[in-house]
Amino acid sequence: MALNETIFITGFPGFLATRLVRRLARENARFILLTQPPLIEMARETVAAMVQDTAVAGENFEIVPGDITEPDLGLSPEATELARQETTTIFHLAAIYDLAVDCASSFAREC
């Protein structure tokens, strides 16, 4: 089955997002991958490994820097427009998985 979709995913290159992208990439989906700026290089390496392992075209992956705690996800106006025009499916997988995280970090505000 080939997917004719552009999938917007938050939380890449996190554990869940990486596994979902790897699975859907084999179906020829295209991706817009929201990645925190400090994780951009890791995201690039993860995509490069997927391209090598699955033989999926690298052009199917668009890594965009952003942050779910910011207005418009911290996306540039160009990236926002790209996401609005092309996205057909969204998976929101960004999260803090540390159960001992402090209140302010977990709610992106002062507690």
Protein backbone atom coordinates (compact mmCIF):
# COMPACT_ATOMS: atom_id res chain seq x y z
CA MET A 1 0.00 0.00 0.00
CA ALA A 2 1.39 3.41 -0.89
CA LEU A 3 0.30 6.44 1.09
CA ASN A 4 -0.23 9.64 -0.82
CA GLU A 5 0.06 11.80 2.28
CA THR A 6 2.23 14.42 3.88
CA ILE A 7 2.39 13.67 7.58
CA PHE A 8 3.30 16.36 10.12
CA ILE A 9 4.93 14.82 13.18
CA THR A 10 6.01 16.54 16.39
CA GLY A 11 8.58 15.03 18.70
CA PHE A 12 11.08 13.86 16.11
CA PRO A 13 13.64 12.27 16.59
CA GLY A 14 12.08 10.95 19.80
CA PHE A 15 11.51 7.25 20.41
CA LEU A 16 7.86 7.05 19.31
CA ALA A 17 8.12 9.50 16.42
CA THR A 18 11.18 7.76 14.96
CA ARG A 19 9.49 4.37 14.97
CA LEU A 20 6.32 5.74 13.41
CA VAL A 21 8.24 7.57 10.68
CA ARG A 22 10.30 4.47 9.91
CA ARG A 23 7.10 2.41 9.52
CA LEU A 24 5.22 4.94 7.41
CA ALA A 25 8.25 5.80 5.27
CA ARG A 26 8.07 2.32 3.79
CA GLU A 27 4.59 3.24 2.52
CA ASN A 28 6.09 6.17 0.58
CA ALA A 29 4.60 8.86 2.82
CA ARG A 30 6.14 12.32 2.93
CA PHE A 31 7.00 13.97 6.25
CA ILE A 32 7.30 17.35 7.89
CA LEU A 33 9.20 16.62 11.10
CA LEU A 34 8.99 19.22 13.87
CA THR A 35 12.28 19.07 15.75
CA GLN A 36 13.60 21.13 18.63
CA PRO A 37 16.58 23.19 17.45
CA PRO A 38 19.12 21.43 19.72
CA LEU A 39 18.08 18.08 18.16
CA ILE A 40 18.35 19.08 14.48
CA GLU A 41 21.64 17.27 13.89
CA MET A 42 20.32 14.10 15.56
CA ALA A 43 17.19 14.36 13.39
CA ARG A 44 19.34 14.62 10.25
CA GLU A 45 21.35 11.58 11.29
CA THR A 46 18.17 9.63 12.04
CA VAL A 47 16.68 10.47 8.65
CA ALA A 48 19.96 9.57 6.90
CA ALA A 49 19.95 6.18 8.60
CA MET A 50 16.31 5.60 7.57
CA VAL A 51 17.07 6.53 3.98
CA GLN A 52 19.97 4.09 3.94
CA ASP A 53 18.07 1.28 5.69
CA THR A 54 14.81 1.58 3.75
CA ALA A 55 15.92 3.02 0.38
CA VAL A 56 13.23 5.71 0.77
CA ALA A 57 14.04 8.99 -1.00
CA GLY A 58 15.58 11.61 1.26
CA GLU A 59 13.31 14.20 -0.37
CA ASN A 60 10.38 12.62 1.50
CA PHE A 61 11.66 14.13 4.77
CA GLU A 62 11.51 17.83 5.68
CA ILE A 63 13.00 18.60 9.09
CA VAL A 64 11.73 21.90 10.48
CA PRO A 65 13.02 23.49 13.68
CA GLY A 66 10.31 24.40 16.16
CA ASP A 67 8.94 24.09 19.67
CA ILE A 68 5.42 23.07 20.69
CA THR A 69 5.46 25.59 23.55
CA GLU A 70 5.83 28.55 21.15
CA PRO A 71 3.13 30.34 19.12
CA ASP A 72 2.76 28.70 15.70
CA LEU A 73 4.99 25.93 17.05
CA GLY A 74 7.96 28.28 16.73
CA LEU A 75 7.91 27.73 12.96
CA SER A 76 9.12 30.30 10.49
CA PRO A 77 6.38 31.85 8.34
CA GLU A 78 7.63 29.79 5.38
CA ALA A 79 7.52 26.52 7.33
CA THR A 80 4.07 27.38 8.69
CA GLU A 81 2.76 27.94 5.17
CA LEU A 82 4.37 24.70 3.93
CA ALA A 83 2.73 22.77 6.77
CA ARG A 84 -0.67 24.34 6.14
CA GLN A 85 -0.59 23.65 2.41
CA GLU A 86 0.81 20.13 2.41
CA THR A 87 -0.16 18.38 5.65
CA THR A 88 -2.84 15.72 5.35
CA THR A 89 -2.29 13.96 8.70
CA ILE A 90 -0.84 15.07 12.04
CA PHE A 91 0.72 12.97 14.80
CA HIS A 92 1.51 14.94 17.96
CA LEU A 93 4.18 12.90 19.71
CA ALA A 94 6.22 15.59 21.46
CA ALA A 95 6.23 15.07 25.20
CA ILE A 96 8.36 14.94 28.30
CA TYR A 97 8.60 11.31 29.33
CA ASP A 98 10.40 11.94 32.64
CA LEU A 99 7.91 11.27 35.44
CA ALA A 100 10.12 13.26 37.83
CA VAL A 101 10.04 16.42 35.69
CA ASP A 102 9.41 19.67 37.55
CA CYS A 103 6.04 21.37 37.25
CA ALA A 104 7.21 24.40 35.25
CA SER A 105 8.87 22.23 32.58
CA SER A 106 5.93 19.91 32.24
CA PHE A 107 3.41 22.71 31.74
CA ALA A 108 5.70 25.22 29.93
CA ARG A 109 4.72 27.83 32.51
CA GLU A 110 5.47 28.81 36.07
CA CYS A 111 3.61 26.71 38.67
